[in-house]
Each structure stands twice: as structure tokens, then as C-alpha cells.
Amino acid sequence: GEVIKKDANEALHEAKAGTEKAGKEIDKGLRDTREKVRRAL
């Protein structure tokens, strides 16, 4: 049970890190798109 709990915590930490990275990439993409739209307008 302790090993499973440790593995689950590690997987959760990795998932959180992946989510944060994906969120930053999405935010950057949105900023870039907004800037392109502003320039086009």
C-alpha cells in the first residue's frame, strides 16, 4: 500500500507538471494569435 501510494503521488506530480506545461504552451499560443489578429486588423 505504501509503494502504491508513493507511485500514485509521483504520477500525480508528473501529471500536474505536464498540465502546467501544456497550460503555458496554450497561453503562449493564444498571445501569439491575438498579436497576429491585432496586426491584421
PDB file of all heavy atoms in Angstrom:
ATOM      1  N   GLY A   1       0.817  -1.213   0.000  1.00  0.00           N
ATOM      2  CA  GLY A   1       0.000   0.000   0.000  1.00  0.00           C
ATOM      3  C   GLY A   1       0.848   1.259   0.000  1.00  0.00           C
ATOM      4  O   GLY A   1       0.532   2.228  -0.702  1.00  0.00           O
ATOM      5  N   GLU A   2       1.925   1.252   0.757  1.00  0.00           N
ATOM      6  CA  GLU A   2       2.818   2.419   0.800  1.00  0.00           C
ATOM      7  C   GLU A   2       3.499   2.645  -0.551  1.00  0.00           C
ATOM      8  O   GLU A   2       3.652   3.782  -0.991  1.00  0.00           O
ATOM      9  CB  GLU A   2       3.849   2.245   1.908  1.00  0.00           C
ATOM     10  CG  GLU A   2       3.261   2.361   3.302  1.00  0.00           C
ATOM     11  CD  GLU A   2       4.238   2.007   4.411  1.00  0.00           C
ATOM     12  OE1 GLU A   2       5.390   1.649   4.096  1.00  0.00           O
ATOM     13  OE2 GLU A   2       3.840   2.091   5.582  1.00  0.00           O
ATOM     14  N   VAL A   3       3.896   1.558  -1.206  1.00  0.00           N
ATOM     15  CA  VAL A   3       4.528   1.676  -2.525  1.00  0.00           C
ATOM     16  C   VAL A   3       3.517   2.223  -3.539  1.00  0.00           C
ATOM     17  O   VAL A   3       3.838   3.119  -4.332  1.00  0.00           O
ATOM     18  CB  VAL A   3       5.081   0.309  -3.000  1.00  0.00           C
ATOM     19  CG1 VAL A   3       5.479   0.352  -4.468  1.00  0.00           C
ATOM     20  CG2 VAL A   3       6.262  -0.104  -2.146  1.00  0.00           C
ATOM     21  N   ILE A   4       2.294   1.717  -3.486  1.00  0.00           N
ATOM     22  CA  ILE A   4       1.256   2.189  -4.401  1.00  0.00           C
ATOM     23  C   ILE A   4       0.968   3.669  -4.151  1.00  0.00           C
ATOM     24  O   ILE A   4       0.832   4.454  -5.092  1.00  0.00           O
ATOM     25  CB  ILE A   4      -0.025   1.343  -4.255  1.00  0.00           C
ATOM     26  CG1 ILE A   4       0.228  -0.063  -4.801  1.00  0.00           C
ATOM     27  CG2 ILE A   4      -1.198   2.004  -4.955  1.00  0.00           C
ATOM     28  CD1 ILE A   4      -0.876  -1.046  -4.510  1.00  0.00           C
ATOM     29  N   LYS A   5       0.907   4.062  -2.886  1.00  0.00           N
ATOM     30  CA  LYS A   5       0.659   5.467  -2.549  1.00  0.00           C
ATOM     31  C   LYS A   5       1.788   6.352  -3.080  1.00  0.00           C
ATOM     32  O   LYS A   5       1.537   7.413  -3.655  1.00  0.00           O
ATOM     33  CB  LYS A   5       0.536   5.613  -1.036  1.00  0.00           C
ATOM     34  CG  LYS A   5       0.232   7.013  -0.584  1.00  0.00           C
ATOM     35  CD  LYS A   5       0.096   7.074   0.931  1.00  0.00           C
ATOM     36  CE  LYS A   5      -0.127   8.486   1.412  1.00  0.00           C
ATOM     37  NZ  LYS A   5      -0.225   8.554   2.880  1.00  0.00           N
ATOM     38  N   LYS A   6       3.026   5.908  -2.904  1.00  0.00           N
ATOM     39  CA  LYS A   6       4.180   6.677  -3.390  1.00  0.00           C
ATOM     40  C   LYS A   6       4.130   6.804  -4.907  1.00  0.00           C
ATOM     41  O   LYS A   6       4.322   7.895  -5.456  1.00  0.00           O
ATOM     42  CB  LYS A   6       5.470   5.987  -2.955  1.00  0.00           C
ATOM     43  CG  LYS A   6       6.723   6.699  -3.395  1.00  0.00           C
ATOM     44  CD  LYS A   6       7.970   5.960  -2.920  1.00  0.00           C
ATOM     45  CE  LYS A   6       9.209   6.619  -3.440  1.00  0.00           C
ATOM     46  NZ  LYS A   6       9.862   5.864  -4.480  1.00  0.00           N
ATOM     47  N   ASP A   7       3.845   5.699  -5.596  1.00  0.00           N
ATOM     48  CA  ASP A   7       3.764   5.725  -7.057  1.00  0.00           C
ATOM     49  C   ASP A   7       2.642   6.640  -7.527  1.00  0.00           C
ATOM     50  O   ASP A   7       2.793   7.383  -8.499  1.00  0.00           O
ATOM     51  CB  ASP A   7       3.554   4.313  -7.616  1.00  0.00           C
ATOM     52  CG  ASP A   7       4.777   3.427  -7.451  1.00  0.00           C
ATOM     53  OD1 ASP A   7       5.868   3.952  -7.126  1.00  0.00           O
ATOM     54  OD2 ASP A   7       4.638   2.196  -7.629  1.00  0.00           O
ATOM     55  N   ALA A   8       1.512   6.608  -6.834  1.00  0.00           N
ATOM     56  CA  ALA A   8       0.381   7.460  -7.199  1.00  0.00           C
ATOM     57  C   ALA A   8       0.733   8.929  -7.006  1.00  0.00           C
ATOM     58  O   ALA A   8       0.387   9.777  -7.839  1.00  0.00           O
ATOM     59  CB  ALA A   8      -0.851   7.091  -6.378  1.00  0.00           C
ATOM     60  N   ASN A   9       1.424   9.255  -5.926  1.00  0.00           N
ATOM     61  CA  ASN A   9       1.830  10.634  -5.686  1.00  0.00           C
ATOM     62  C   ASN A   9       2.802  11.118  -6.762  1.00  0.00           C
ATOM     63  O   ASN A   9       2.721  12.259  -7.221  1.00  0.00           O
ATOM     64  CB  ASN A   9       2.451  10.793  -4.299  1.00  0.00           C
ATOM     65  CG  ASN A   9       1.414  10.798  -3.210  1.00  0.00           C
ATOM     66  OD1 ASN A   9       0.267  11.155  -3.427  1.00  0.00           O
ATOM     67  ND2 ASN A   9       1.816  10.403  -2.009  1.00  0.00           N
ATOM     68  N   GLU A  10       3.727  10.249  -7.162  1.00  0.00           N
ATOM     69  CA  GLU A  10       4.674  10.609  -8.220  1.00  0.00           C
ATOM     70  C   GLU A  10       3.941  10.834  -9.544  1.00  0.00           C
ATOM     71  O   GLU A  10       4.232  11.790 -10.270  1.00  0.00           O
ATOM     72  CB  GLU A  10       5.737   9.527  -8.383  1.00  0.00           C
ATOM     73  CG  GLU A  10       6.733   9.484  -7.234  1.00  0.00           C
ATOM     74  CD  GLU A  10       7.720   8.325  -7.350  1.00  0.00           C
ATOM     75  OE1 GLU A  10       7.672   7.572  -8.349  1.00  0.00           O
ATOM     76  OE2 GLU A  10       8.534   8.160  -6.434  1.00  0.00           O
ATOM     77  N   ALA A  11       2.984   9.962  -9.855  1.00  0.00           N
ATOM     78  CA  ALA A  11       2.210  10.111 -11.089  1.00  0.00           C
ATOM     79  C   ALA A  11       1.395  11.397 -11.052  1.00  0.00           C
ATOM     80  O   ALA A  11       1.293  12.110 -12.064  1.00  0.00           O
ATOM     81  CB  ALA A  11       1.298   8.901 -11.286  1.00  0.00           C
ATOM     82  N   LEU A  12       0.820  11.715  -9.904  1.00  0.00           N
ATOM     83  CA  LEU A  12       0.058  12.949  -9.766  1.00  0.00           C
ATOM     84  C   LEU A  12       0.951  14.163  -9.966  1.00  0.00           C
ATOM     85  O   LEU A  12       0.579  15.120 -10.658  1.00  0.00           O
ATOM     86  CB  LEU A  12      -0.614  13.006  -8.386  1.00  0.00           C
ATOM     87  CG  LEU A  12      -1.440  14.249  -8.090  1.00  0.00           C
ATOM     88  CD1 LEU A  12      -2.613  14.363  -9.061  1.00  0.00           C
ATOM     89  CD2 LEU A  12      -1.960  14.199  -6.656  1.00  0.00           C
ATOM     90  N   HIS A  13       2.144  14.134  -9.382  1.00  0.00           N
ATOM     91  CA  HIS A  13       3.092  15.239  -9.539  1.00  0.00           C
ATOM     92  C   HIS A  13       3.465  15.412 -11.012  1.00  0.00           C
ATOM     93  O   HIS A  13       3.504  16.543 -11.527  1.00  0.00           O
ATOM     94  CB  HIS A  13       4.340  14.995  -8.691  1.00  0.00           C
ATOM     95  CG  HIS A  13       5.374  16.046  -8.837  1.00  0.00           C
ATOM     96  ND1 HIS A  13       5.227  17.313  -8.329  1.00  0.00           N
ATOM     97  CD2 HIS A  13       6.578  16.025  -9.445  1.00  0.00           C
ATOM     98  CE1 HIS A  13       6.291  18.032  -8.624  1.00  0.00           C
ATOM     99  NE2 HIS A  13       7.131  17.268  -9.301  1.00  0.00           N
ATOM    100  N   GLU A  14       3.739  14.308 -11.694  1.00  0.00           N
ATOM    101  CA  GLU A  14       4.083  14.379 -13.117  1.00  0.00           C
ATOM    102  C   GLU A  14       2.917  14.919 -13.934  1.00  0.00           C
ATOM    103  O   GLU A  14       3.111  15.711 -14.864  1.00  0.00           O
ATOM    104  CB  GLU A  14       4.500  13.004 -13.632  1.00  0.00           C
ATOM    105  CG  GLU A  14       5.845  12.540 -13.117  1.00  0.00           C
ATOM    106  CD  GLU A  14       6.206  11.141 -13.576  1.00  0.00           C
ATOM    107  OE1 GLU A  14       5.558  10.626 -14.519  1.00  0.00           O
ATOM    108  OE2 GLU A  14       7.137  10.559 -13.009  1.00  0.00           O
ATOM    109  N   ALA A  15       1.702  14.511 -13.592  1.00  0.00           N
ATOM    110  CA  ALA A  15       0.520  14.998 -14.312  1.00  0.00           C
ATOM    111  C   ALA A  15       0.335  16.498 -14.096  1.00  0.00           C
ATOM    112  O   ALA A  15       0.015  17.232 -15.037  1.00  0.00           O
ATOM    113  CB  ALA A  15      -0.719  14.234 -13.859  1.00  0.00           C
ATOM    114  N   LYS A  16       0.543  16.950 -12.869  1.00  0.00           N
ATOM    115  CA  LYS A  16       0.428  18.386 -12.592  1.00  0.00           C
ATOM    116  C   LYS A  16       1.471  19.171 -13.378  1.00  0.00           C
ATOM    117  O   LYS A  16       1.171  20.223 -13.947  1.00  0.00           O
ATOM    118  CB  LYS A  16       0.601  18.662 -11.098  1.00  0.00           C
ATOM    119  CG  LYS A  16      -0.607  18.312 -10.274  1.00  0.00           C
ATOM    120  CD  LYS A  16      -0.355  18.653  -8.806  1.00  0.00           C
ATOM    121  CE  LYS A  16      -1.545  18.307  -7.944  1.00  0.00           C
ATOM    122  NZ  LYS A  16      -1.285  18.624  -6.526  1.00  0.00           N
ATOM    123  N   ALA A  17       2.701  18.670 -13.416  1.00  0.00           N
ATOM    124  CA  ALA A  17       3.763  19.352 -14.154  1.00  0.00           C
ATOM    125  C   ALA A  17       3.426  19.387 -15.642  1.00  0.00           C
ATOM    126  O   ALA A  17       3.611  20.419 -16.304  1.00  0.00           O
ATOM    127  CB  ALA A  17       5.102  18.655 -13.924  1.00  0.00           C
ATOM    128  N   GLY A  18       2.913  18.294 -16.166  1.00  0.00           N
ATOM    129  CA  GLY A  18       2.527  18.250 -17.577  1.00  0.00           C
ATOM    130  C   GLY A  18       1.383  19.209 -17.876  1.00  0.00           C
ATOM    131  O   GLY A  18       1.375  19.873 -18.915  1.00  0.00           O
ATOM    132  N   THR A  19       0.437  19.294 -16.962  1.00  0.00           N
ATOM    133  CA  THR A  19      -0.691  20.207 -17.138  1.00  0.00           C
ATOM    134  C   THR A  19      -0.226  21.650 -17.126  1.00  0.00           C
ATOM    135  O   THR A  19      -0.674  22.466 -17.939  1.00  0.00           O
ATOM    136  CB  THR A  19      -1.731  19.977 -16.016  1.00  0.00           C
ATOM    137  OG1 THR A  19      -2.163  18.617 -16.073  1.00  0.00           O
ATOM    138  CG2 THR A  19      -2.920  20.886 -16.164  1.00  0.00           C
ATOM    139  N   GLU A  20       0.671  21.979 -16.206  1.00  0.00           N
ATOM    140  CA  GLU A  20       1.201  23.350 -16.147  1.00  0.00           C
ATOM    141  C   GLU A  20       1.951  23.691 -17.431  1.00  0.00           C
ATOM    142  O   GLU A  20       1.797  24.792 -17.970  1.00  0.00           O
ATOM    143  CB  GLU A  20       2.115  23.509 -14.937  1.00  0.00           C
ATOM    144  CG  GLU A  20       1.374  23.518 -13.614  1.00  0.00           C
ATOM    145  CD  GLU A  20       2.301  23.567 -12.417  1.00  0.00           C
ATOM    146  OE1 GLU A  20       3.528  23.737 -12.599  1.00  0.00           O
ATOM    147  OE2 GLU A  20       1.795  23.443 -11.295  1.00  0.00           O
ATOM    148  N   LYS A  21       2.739  22.761 -17.929  1.00  0.00           N
ATOM    149  CA  LYS A  21       3.486  22.999 -19.161  1.00  0.00           C
ATOM    150  C   LYS A  21       2.531  23.199 -20.336  1.00  0.00           C
ATOM    151  O   LYS A  21       2.696  24.127 -21.133  1.00  0.00           O
ATOM    152  CB  LYS A  21       4.428  21.824 -19.443  1.00  0.00           C
ATOM    153  CG  LYS A  21       5.264  22.006 -20.685  1.00  0.00           C
ATOM    154  CD  LYS A  21       6.186  20.824 -20.914  1.00  0.00           C
ATOM    155  CE  LYS A  21       6.986  21.016 -22.194  1.00  0.00           C
ATOM    156  NZ  LYS A  21       7.805  19.855 -22.498  1.00  0.00           N
ATOM    157  N   ALA A  22       1.515  22.345 -20.425  1.00  0.00           N
ATOM    158  CA  ALA A  22       0.537  22.468 -21.509  1.00  0.00           C
ATOM    159  C   ALA A  22      -0.213  23.792 -21.396  1.00  0.00           C
ATOM    160  O   ALA A  22      -0.465  24.458 -22.409  1.00  0.00           O
ATOM    161  CB  ALA A  22      -0.437  21.293 -21.474  1.00  0.00           C
ATOM    162  N   GLY A  23      -0.553  24.199 -20.180  1.00  0.00           N
ATOM    163  CA  GLY A  23      -1.239  25.472 -19.977  1.00  0.00           C
ATOM    164  C   GLY A  23      -0.394  26.651 -20.436  1.00  0.00           C
ATOM    165  O   GLY A  23      -0.904  27.587 -21.072  1.00  0.00           O
ATOM    166  N   LYS A  24       0.895  26.608 -20.136  1.00  0.00           N
ATOM    167  CA  LYS A  24       1.797  27.683 -20.574  1.00  0.00           C
ATOM    168  C   LYS A  24       1.896  27.721 -22.096  1.00  0.00           C
ATOM    169  O   LYS A  24       1.918  28.799 -22.700  1.00  0.00           O
ATOM    170  CB  LYS A  24       3.177  27.495 -19.949  1.00  0.00           C
ATOM    171  CG  LYS A  24       3.207  27.796 -18.466  1.00  0.00           C
ATOM    172  CD  LYS A  24       4.578  27.544 -17.870  1.00  0.00           C
ATOM    173  CE  LYS A  24       4.568  27.778 -16.366  1.00  0.00           C
ATOM    174  NZ  LYS A  24       5.868  27.524 -15.756  1.00  0.00           N
ATOM    175  N   GLU A  25       1.952  26.545 -22.727  1.00  0.00           N
ATOM    176  CA  GLU A  25       2.025  26.489 -24.183  1.00  0.00           C
ATOM    177  C   GLU A  25       0.747  27.033 -24.811  1.00  0.00           C
ATOM    178  O   GLU A  25       0.792  27.771 -25.804  1.00  0.00           O
ATOM    179  CB  GLU A  25       2.289  25.059 -24.650  1.00  0.00           C
ATOM    180  CG  GLU A  25       3.678  24.558 -24.322  1.00  0.00           C
ATOM    181  CD  GLU A  25       3.887  23.091 -24.665  1.00  0.00           C
ATOM    182  OE1 GLU A  25       2.957  22.456 -25.215  1.00  0.00           O
ATOM    183  OE2 GLU A  25       4.987  22.582 -24.387  1.00  0.00           O
ATOM    184  N   ILE A  26      -0.392  26.708 -24.220  1.00  0.00           N
ATOM    185  CA  ILE A  26      -1.671  27.214 -24.729  1.00  0.00           C
ATOM    186  C   ILE A  26      -1.736  28.731 -24.571  1.00  0.00           C
ATOM    187  O   ILE A  26      -2.145  29.449 -25.494  1.00  0.00           O
ATOM    188  CB  ILE A  26      -2.853  26.526 -24.010  1.00  0.00           C
ATOM    189  CG1 ILE A  26      -2.945  25.069 -24.456  1.00  0.00           C
ATOM    190  CG2 ILE A  26      -4.162  27.262 -24.279  1.00  0.00           C
ATOM    191  CD1 ILE A  26      -3.918  24.233 -23.645  1.00  0.00           C
ATOM    192  N   ASP A  27      -1.326  29.235 -23.420  1.00  0.00           N
ATOM    193  CA  ASP A  27      -1.314  30.681 -23.193  1.00  0.00           C
ATOM    194  C   ASP A  27      -0.419  31.392 -24.202  1.00  0.00           C
ATOM    195  O   ASP A  27      -0.782  32.439 -24.749  1.00  0.00           O
ATOM    196  CB  ASP A  27      -0.867  31.011 -21.769  1.00  0.00           C
ATOM    197  CG  ASP A  27      -1.909  30.656 -20.725  1.00  0.00           C
ATOM    198  OD1 ASP A  27      -3.078  30.448 -21.099  1.00  0.00           O
ATOM    199  OD2 ASP A  27      -1.534  30.585 -19.529  1.00  0.00           O
ATOM    200  N   LYS A  28       0.742  30.828 -24.470  1.00  0.00           N
ATOM    201  CA  LYS A  28       1.659  31.432 -25.443  1.00  0.00           C
ATOM    202  C   LYS A  28       1.015  31.428 -26.827  1.00  0.00           C
ATOM    203  O   LYS A  28       1.077  32.436 -27.554  1.00  0.00           O
ATOM    204  CB  LYS A  28       2.985  30.675 -25.474  1.00  0.00           C
ATOM    205  CG  LYS A  28       3.999  31.300 -26.421  1.00  0.00           C
ATOM    206  CD  LYS A  28       5.268  30.476 -26.495  1.00  0.00           C
ATOM    207  CE  LYS A  28       6.305  31.068 -27.412  1.00  0.00           C
ATOM    208  NZ  LYS A  28       5.857  31.421 -28.740  1.00  0.00           N
ATOM    209  N   GLY A  29       0.383  30.339 -27.186  1.00  0.00           N
ATOM    210  CA  GLY A  29      -0.296  30.265 -28.482  1.00  0.00           C
ATOM    211  C   GLY A  29      -1.409  31.298 -28.595  1.00  0.00           C
ATOM    212  O   GLY A  29      -1.581  31.933 -29.645  1.00  0.00           O
ATOM    213  N   LEU A  30      -2.165  31.483 -27.521  1.00  0.00           N
ATOM    214  CA  LEU A  30      -3.219  32.495 -27.533  1.00  0.00           C
ATOM    215  C   LEU A  30      -2.649  33.904 -27.670  1.00  0.00           C
ATOM    216  O   LEU A  30      -3.186  34.728 -28.421  1.00  0.00           O
ATOM    217  CB  LEU A  30      -4.063  32.391 -26.259  1.00  0.00           C
ATOM    218  CG  LEU A  30      -5.024  31.209 -26.178  1.00  0.00           C
ATOM    219  CD1 LEU A  30      -5.650  31.130 -24.793  1.00  0.00           C
ATOM    220  CD2 LEU A  30      -6.103  31.327 -27.240  1.00  0.00           C
ATOM    221  N   ARG A  31      -1.572  34.180 -26.939  1.00  0.00           N
ATOM    222  CA  ARG A  31      -0.943  35.508 -27.048  1.00  0.00           C
ATOM    223  C   ARG A  31      -0.451  35.759 -28.474  1.00  0.00           C
ATOM    224  O   ARG A  31      -0.658  36.844 -29.032  1.00  0.00           O
ATOM    225  CB  ARG A  31       0.220  35.638 -26.055  1.00  0.00           C
ATOM    226  CG  ARG A  31      -0.214  35.869 -24.629  1.00  0.00           C
ATOM    227  CD  ARG A  31       0.971  36.277 -23.747  1.00  0.00           C
ATOM    228  NE  ARG A  31       2.074  35.325 -23.764  1.00  0.00           N
ATOM    229  CZ  ARG A  31       2.170  34.261 -22.964  1.00  0.00           C
ATOM    230  NH1 ARG A  31       1.219  34.004 -22.073  1.00  0.00           N
ATOM    231  NH2 ARG A  31       3.212  33.464 -23.046  1.00  0.00           N
ATOM    232  N   ASP A  32       0.182  34.751 -29.054  1.00  0.00           N
ATOM    233  CA  ASP A  32       0.679  34.892 -30.426  1.00  0.00           C
ATOM    234  C   ASP A  32      -0.473  35.118 -31.404  1.00  0.00           C
ATOM    235  O   ASP A  32      -0.386  35.966 -32.300  1.00  0.00           O
ATOM    236  CB  ASP A  32       1.480  33.655 -30.847  1.00  0.00           C
ATOM    237  CG  ASP A  32       2.788  33.503 -30.076  1.00  0.00           C
ATOM    238  OD1 ASP A  32       3.207  34.477 -29.406  1.00  0.00           O
ATOM    239  OD2 ASP A  32       3.381  32.397 -30.128  1.00  0.00           O
ATOM    240  N   THR A  33      -1.546  34.390 -31.234  1.00  0.00           N
ATOM    241  CA  THR A  33      -2.712  34.533 -32.113  1.00  0.00           C
ATOM    242  C   THR A  33      -3.346  35.907 -31.957  1.00  0.00           C
ATOM    243  O   THR A  33      -3.690  36.551 -32.951  1.00  0.00           O
ATOM    244  CB  THR A  33      -3.748  33.435 -31.813  1.00  0.00           C
ATOM    245  OG1 THR A  33      -3.126  32.158 -31.993  1.00  0.00           O
ATOM    246  CG2 THR A  33      -4.952  33.541 -32.731  1.00  0.00           C
ATOM    247  N   ARG A  34      -3.483  36.376 -30.736  1.00  0.00           N
ATOM    248  CA  ARG A  34      -4.040  37.721 -30.508  1.00  0.00           C
ATOM    249  C   ARG A  34      -3.179  38.789 -31.190  1.00  0.00           C
ATOM    250  O   ARG A  34      -3.700  39.730 -31.790  1.00  0.00           O
ATOM    251  CB  ARG A  34      -4.132  38.004 -29.010  1.00  0.00           C
ATOM    252  CG  ARG A  34      -5.245  37.303 -28.324  1.00  0.00           C
ATOM    253  CD  ARG A  34      -5.326  37.749 -26.855  1.00  0.00           C
ATOM    254  NE  ARG A  34      -6.202  36.868 -26.113  1.00  0.00           N
ATOM    255  CZ  ARG A  34      -5.862  36.184 -25.032  1.00  0.00           C
ATOM    256  NH1 ARG A  34      -4.646  36.295 -24.524  1.00  0.00           N
ATOM    257  NH2 ARG A  34      -6.717  35.396 -24.432  1.00  0.00           N
ATOM    258  N   GLU A  35      -1.883  38.646 -31.054  1.00  0.00           N
ATOM    259  CA  GLU A  35      -0.975  39.614 -31.665  1.00  0.00           C
ATOM    260  C   GLU A  35      -1.115  39.603 -33.186  1.00  0.00           C
ATOM    261  O   GLU A  35      -1.142  40.658 -33.829  1.00  0.00           O
ATOM    262  CB  GLU A  35       0.474  39.325 -31.251  1.00  0.00           C
ATOM    263  CG  GLU A  35       1.456  40.360 -31.699  1.00  0.00           C
ATOM    264  CD  GLU A  35       1.142  41.765 -31.204  1.00  0.00           C
ATOM    265  OE1 GLU A  35       0.636  41.915 -30.068  1.00  0.00           O
ATOM    266  OE2 GLU A  35       1.402  42.717 -31.951  1.00  0.00           O
ATOM    267  N   LYS A  36      -1.236  38.413 -33.791  1.00  0.00           N
ATOM    268  CA  LYS A  36      -1.413  38.314 -35.241  1.00  0.00           C
ATOM    269  C   LYS A  36      -2.720  38.959 -35.672  1.00  0.00           C
ATOM    270  O   LYS A  36      -2.772  39.660 -36.694  1.00  0.00           O
ATOM    271  CB  LYS A  36      -1.375  36.851 -35.688  1.00  0.00           C
ATOM    272  CG  LYS A  36      -0.004  36.231 -35.621  1.00  0.00           C
ATOM    273  CD  LYS A  36      -0.049  34.764 -36.015  1.00  0.00           C
ATOM    274  CE  LYS A  36       1.318  34.112 -35.850  1.00  0.00           C
ATOM    275  NZ  LYS A  36       1.268  32.679 -36.168  1.00  0.00           N
ATOM    276  N   VAL A  37      -3.787  38.730 -34.899  1.00  0.00           N
ATOM    277  CA  VAL A  37      -5.083  39.325 -35.217  1.00  0.00           C
ATOM    278  C   VAL A  37      -4.998  40.846 -35.096  1.00  0.00           C
ATOM    279  O   VAL A  37      -5.507  41.579 -35.961  1.00  0.00           O
ATOM    280  CB  VAL A  37      -6.201  38.752 -34.308  1.00  0.00           C
ATOM    281  CG1 VAL A  37      -7.490  39.537 -34.450  1.00  0.00           C
ATOM    282  CG2 VAL A  37      -6.431  37.280 -34.626  1.00  0.00           C
ATOM    283  N   ARG A  38      -4.360  41.347 -34.052  1.00  0.00           N
ATOM    284  CA  ARG A  38      -4.197  42.803 -33.901  1.00  0.00           C
ATOM    285  C   ARG A  38      -3.452  43.403 -35.089  1.00  0.00           C
ATOM    286  O   ARG A  38      -3.834  44.451 -35.620  1.00  0.00           O
ATOM    287  CB  ARG A  38      -3.451  43.122 -32.606  1.00  0.00           C
ATOM    288  CG  ARG A  38      -4.296  43.005 -31.378  1.00  0.00           C
ATOM    289  CD  ARG A  38      -3.545  43.522 -30.142  1.00  0.00           C
ATOM    290  NE  ARG A  38      -4.266  43.128 -28.955  1.00  0.00           N
ATOM    291  CZ  ARG A  38      -3.841  42.272 -28.032  1.00  0.00           C
ATOM    292  NH1 ARG A  38      -2.653  41.721 -28.154  1.00  0.00           N
ATOM    293  NH2 ARG A  38      -4.586  41.974 -26.988  1.00  0.00           N
ATOM    294  N   ARG A  39      -2.377  42.757 -35.481  1.00  0.00           N
ATOM    295  CA  ARG A  39      -1.600  43.256 -36.623  1.00  0.00           C
ATOM    296  C   ARG A  39      -2.436  43.241 -37.901  1.00  0.00           C
ATOM    297  O   ARG A  39      -2.388  44.175 -38.695  1.00  0.00           O
ATOM    298  CB  ARG A  39      -0.334  42.420 -36.815  1.00  0.00           C
ATOM    299  CG  ARG A  39       0.773  42.832 -35.873  1.00  0.00           C
ATOM    300  CD  ARG A  39       2.094  42.179 -36.270  1.00  0.00           C
ATOM    301  NE  ARG A  39       2.537  41.409 -35.111  1.00  0.00           N
ATOM    302  CZ  ARG A  39       3.028  40.197 -35.117  1.00  0.00           C
ATOM    303  NH1 ARG A  39       3.189  39.546 -36.246  1.00  0.00           N
ATOM    304  NH2 ARG A  39       3.388  39.600 -34.006  1.00  0.00           N
ATOM    305  N   ALA A  40      -3.201  42.156 -38.077  1.00  0.00           N
ATOM    306  CA  ALA A  40      -4.041  42.056 -39.272  1.00  0.00           C
ATOM    307  C   ALA A  40      -5.115  43.133 -39.265  1.00  0.00           C
ATOM    308  O   ALA A  40      -5.415  43.736 -40.300  1.00  0.00           O
ATOM    309  CB  ALA A  40      -4.674  40.667 -39.351  1.00  0.00           C
ATOM    310  N   LEU A  41      -5.709  43.386 -38.114  1.00  0.00           N
ATOM    311  CA  LEU A  41      -6.731  44.432 -38.022  1.00  0.00           C
ATOM    312  C   LEU A  41      -6.132  45.812 -38.244  1.00  0.00           C
ATOM    313  O   LEU A  41      -6.755  46.683 -38.867  1.00  0.00           O
ATOM    314  CB  LEU A  41      -7.438  44.374 -36.670  1.00  0.00           C
ATOM    315  CG  LEU A  41      -8.364  43.177 -36.445  1.00  0.00           C
ATOM    316  CD1 LEU A  41      -8.863  43.163 -35.016  1.00  0.00           C
ATOM    317  CD2 LEU A  41      -9.524  43.189 -37.427  1.00  0.00           C
TER     318      LEU A  41
END
